[in-house]
Every structure is written in C-alpha cells, then in structure tokens.
Amino acid sequence: MLGRSSEFKGPLSISYHRNLDGVTFGLDKAMRRLLADHFGSSVNPKPRIFFETQADLSNFPNLRAAVILLTGVPEEALQELGKILFIDPATNLPLGFVCTSQQN
C-alpha cells in the first residue's frame, strides 16, 4: 500500500519533446516533488524516458504505460493523478492532447 502524505495537487505535467526520429517524456523537479510528497518514497519517478525511434514508441502499449514507467506510480493508483497534460517544453503549451488517468 502506498503511503499518501497529502492530496495530489495536479494536473501532472509531462514534457513531450520530439528529437530526430524519437521522443522524450520528462518530469521536471517540481512534478517529481509533487509525486514524492503525495506517494512518499514508495514511488521512484524517473526524470526522463526516451524512445529512440517512432517504432520504439509504437511498440509501447500506450501512453498510460509511459506514465507508469515515468512516474513510478502503480497502475491502480494512477486515477489519483487526475488529468495528465503533455507539454511542449519549448513553449510550455499543451501539445493538443490530454490523457486522463481513466483512459487506456
């Protein structure tokens, strides 16, 4: 069981950056701190995950699986994150899609 120390104050923002043929998903320090404050030491968020090619990304099950890998939050606790925004780090604007934790 995860030890929640506070209510999660989302939405969770994940940077999404296209690079050459692939993409990088990332969490900044503020987002990693929010996760640690809410879930405690039971999660191990990673600052970034890389997909070197679009084929690598297309072989990944779905964006929800990328969120699980990036945040370290188990699937059964994802709904606590609420809305998940994918942001262009160059402009700090949403990329036109929002993935809610309820979607597959």
C-alpha atoms as a PDB file:
ATOM      1  CA  MET A   1       0.000   0.000   0.000  1.00  0.00           C
ATOM      2  CA  LEU A   2       1.273   3.450  -0.887  1.00  0.00           C
ATOM      3  CA  GLY A   3       1.661   5.951   1.919  1.00  0.00           C
ATOM      4  CA  ARG A   4      -0.162   9.126   0.868  1.00  0.00           C
ATOM      5  CA  SER A   5       1.005  12.114   2.845  1.00  0.00           C
ATOM      6  CA  SER A   6      -1.060  14.771   1.082  1.00  0.00           C
ATOM      7  CA  GLU A   7      -3.728  15.292  -1.550  1.00  0.00           C
ATOM      8  CA  PHE A   8      -2.202  15.361  -5.019  1.00  0.00           C
ATOM      9  CA  LYS A   9      -2.424  18.876  -6.422  1.00  0.00           C
ATOM     10  CA  GLY A  10      -2.424  18.206 -10.167  1.00  0.00           C
ATOM     11  CA  PRO A  11      -2.606  18.198 -13.015  1.00  0.00           C
ATOM     12  CA  LEU A  12       0.522  16.205 -13.646  1.00  0.00           C
ATOM     13  CA  SER A  13       2.550  17.867 -16.422  1.00  0.00           C
ATOM     14  CA  ILE A  14       4.827  15.716 -18.546  1.00  0.00           C
ATOM     15  CA  SER A  15       7.105  17.267 -21.138  1.00  0.00           C
ATOM     16  CA  TYR A  16       6.960  15.678 -24.568  1.00  0.00           C
ATOM     17  CA  HIS A  17       9.824  16.514 -26.894  1.00  0.00           C
ATOM     18  CA  ARG A  18      10.380  15.234 -30.417  1.00  0.00           C
ATOM     19  CA  ASN A  19      14.034  14.581 -31.163  1.00  0.00           C
ATOM     20  CA  LEU A  20      15.264  13.287 -34.508  1.00  0.00           C
ATOM     21  CA  ASP A  21      13.245  10.098 -35.063  1.00  0.00           C
ATOM     22  CA  GLY A  22      12.074   9.564 -31.490  1.00  0.00           C
ATOM     23  CA  VAL A  23      10.541  11.272 -28.480  1.00  0.00           C
ATOM     24  CA  THR A  24      11.458  12.030 -24.887  1.00  0.00           C
ATOM     25  CA  PHE A  25       8.993  12.219 -21.995  1.00  0.00           C
ATOM     26  CA  GLY A  26      10.177  14.083 -18.926  1.00  0.00           C
ATOM     27  CA  LEU A  27       9.226  15.197 -15.423  1.00  0.00           C
ATOM     28  CA  ASP A  28      10.695  18.381 -14.006  1.00  0.00           C
ATOM     29  CA  LYS A  29      11.808  18.693 -10.374  1.00  0.00           C
ATOM     30  CA  ALA A  30       8.530  20.288  -9.282  1.00  0.00           C
ATOM     31  CA  MET A  31       6.477  17.381 -10.676  1.00  0.00           C
ATOM     32  CA  ARG A  32       8.819  14.796  -9.115  1.00  0.00           C
ATOM     33  CA  ARG A  33       8.493  16.638  -5.786  1.00  0.00           C
ATOM     34  CA  LEU A  34       4.670  16.600  -6.049  1.00  0.00           C
ATOM     35  CA  LEU A  35       4.754  12.842  -6.625  1.00  0.00           C
ATOM     36  CA  ALA A  36       7.137  12.277  -3.700  1.00  0.00           C
ATOM     37  CA  ASP A  37       5.050  14.500  -1.399  1.00  0.00           C
ATOM     38  CA  HIS A  38       1.896  12.568  -2.251  1.00  0.00           C
ATOM     39  CA  PHE A  39       3.123   8.992  -2.627  1.00  0.00           C
ATOM     40  CA  GLY A  40       6.200   9.087  -0.381  1.00  0.00           C
ATOM     41  CA  SER A  41       9.285   7.013  -1.018  1.00  0.00           C
ATOM     42  CA  SER A  42       7.214   4.161  -2.453  1.00  0.00           C
ATOM     43  CA  VAL A  43       7.478   5.665  -5.950  1.00  0.00           C
ATOM     44  CA  ASN A  44      10.651   6.226  -7.893  1.00  0.00           C
ATOM     45  CA  PRO A  45       9.961   8.799 -10.607  1.00  0.00           C
ATOM     46  CA  LYS A  46      12.445   8.969 -13.436  1.00  0.00           C
ATOM     47  CA  PRO A  47      13.409  12.370 -14.829  1.00  0.00           C
ATOM     48  CA  ARG A  48      13.117  11.137 -18.452  1.00  0.00           C
ATOM     49  CA  ILE A  49      12.324   8.183 -20.644  1.00  0.00           C
ATOM     50  CA  PHE A  50      13.481   8.008 -24.240  1.00  0.00           C
ATOM     51  CA  PHE A  51      12.153   6.316 -27.331  1.00  0.00           C
ATOM     52  CA  GLU A  52      14.877   6.438 -29.968  1.00  0.00           C
ATOM     53  CA  THR A  53      12.516   5.877 -32.885  1.00  0.00           C
ATOM     54  CA  GLN A  54       8.812   6.174 -33.588  1.00  0.00           C
ATOM     55  CA  ALA A  55       8.838   2.372 -33.932  1.00  0.00           C
ATOM     56  CA  ASP A  56      10.028   2.098 -30.306  1.00  0.00           C
ATOM     57  CA  LEU A  57       7.153   4.309 -29.209  1.00  0.00           C
ATOM     58  CA  SER A  58       4.608   2.446 -31.351  1.00  0.00           C
ATOM     59  CA  ASN A  59       5.715  -0.854 -29.743  1.00  0.00           C
ATOM     60  CA  PHE A  60       4.969   0.603 -26.312  1.00  0.00           C
ATOM     61  CA  PRO A  61       1.476  -0.431 -25.132  1.00  0.00           C
ATOM     62  CA  ASN A  62       0.039   3.079 -24.631  1.00  0.00           C
ATOM     63  CA  LEU A  63       0.687   6.469 -23.076  1.00  0.00           C
ATOM     64  CA  ARG A  64      -0.657   5.209 -19.766  1.00  0.00           C
ATOM     65  CA  ALA A  65       2.193   2.681 -19.642  1.00  0.00           C
ATOM     66  CA  ALA A  66       4.667   5.509 -20.318  1.00  0.00           C
ATOM     67  CA  VAL A  67       3.162   7.470 -17.405  1.00  0.00           C
ATOM     68  CA  ILE A  68       3.560   4.444 -15.109  1.00  0.00           C
ATOM     69  CA  LEU A  69       7.196   3.998 -16.132  1.00  0.00           C
ATOM     70  CA  LEU A  70       7.985   7.707 -15.837  1.00  0.00           C
ATOM     71  CA  THR A  71       6.224   8.417 -12.534  1.00  0.00           C
ATOM     72  CA  GLY A  72       6.766   5.118 -10.743  1.00  0.00           C
ATOM     73  CA  VAL A  73       3.101   5.225  -9.701  1.00  0.00           C
ATOM     74  CA  PRO A  74       1.450   1.791  -9.863  1.00  0.00           C
ATOM     75  CA  GLU A  75      -1.449   1.406 -12.290  1.00  0.00           C
ATOM     76  CA  GLU A  76      -4.055   1.062  -9.537  1.00  0.00           C
ATOM     77  CA  ALA A  77      -3.057   4.491  -8.151  1.00  0.00           C
ATOM     78  CA  LEU A  78      -2.994   6.391 -11.474  1.00  0.00           C
ATOM     79  CA  GLN A  79      -6.517   7.738 -11.025  1.00  0.00           C
ATOM     80  CA  GLU A  80      -5.225   9.770  -8.075  1.00  0.00           C
ATOM     81  CA  LEU A  81      -3.187  11.822 -10.545  1.00  0.00           C
ATOM     82  CA  GLY A  82      -6.318  13.004 -12.325  1.00  0.00           C
ATOM     83  CA  LYS A  83      -5.586  14.887 -15.521  1.00  0.00           C
ATOM     84  CA  ILE A  84      -2.218  14.318 -17.180  1.00  0.00           C
ATOM     85  CA  LEU A  85      -1.003  17.044 -19.533  1.00  0.00           C
ATOM     86  CA  PHE A  86       1.696  16.538 -22.143  1.00  0.00           C
ATOM     87  CA  ILE A  87       3.525  19.839 -22.565  1.00  0.00           C
ATOM     88  CA  ASP A  88       5.935  21.185 -25.197  1.00  0.00           C
ATOM     89  CA  PRO A  89       8.898  22.315 -23.057  1.00  0.00           C
ATOM     90  CA  ALA A  90       9.978  24.921 -25.629  1.00  0.00           C
ATOM     91  CA  THR A  91       6.669  26.820 -25.450  1.00  0.00           C
ATOM     92  CA  ASN A  92       5.253  25.467 -22.167  1.00  0.00           C
ATOM     93  CA  LEU A  93       1.960  24.898 -24.009  1.00  0.00           C
ATOM     94  CA  PRO A  94      -0.127  21.714 -24.153  1.00  0.00           C
ATOM     95  CA  LEU A  95       0.565  19.711 -27.294  1.00  0.00           C
ATOM     96  CA  GLY A  96      -3.096  19.407 -28.173  1.00  0.00           C
ATOM     97  CA  PHE A  97      -3.799  16.174 -26.350  1.00  0.00           C
ATOM     98  CA  VAL A  98      -4.637  15.461 -22.758  1.00  0.00           C
ATOM     99  CA  CYS A  99      -4.548  11.951 -21.356  1.00  0.00           C
ATOM    100  CA  THR A 100      -6.737  11.358 -18.337  1.00  0.00           C
ATOM    101  CA  SER A 101      -5.757   8.588 -15.967  1.00  0.00           C
ATOM    102  CA  GLN A 102      -9.042   6.851 -16.709  1.00  0.00           C
ATOM    103  CA  GLN A 103      -8.068   6.159 -20.360  1.00  0.00           C
ATOM    104  CA  ASN A 104      -6.137   3.198 -21.736  1.00  0.00           C
END
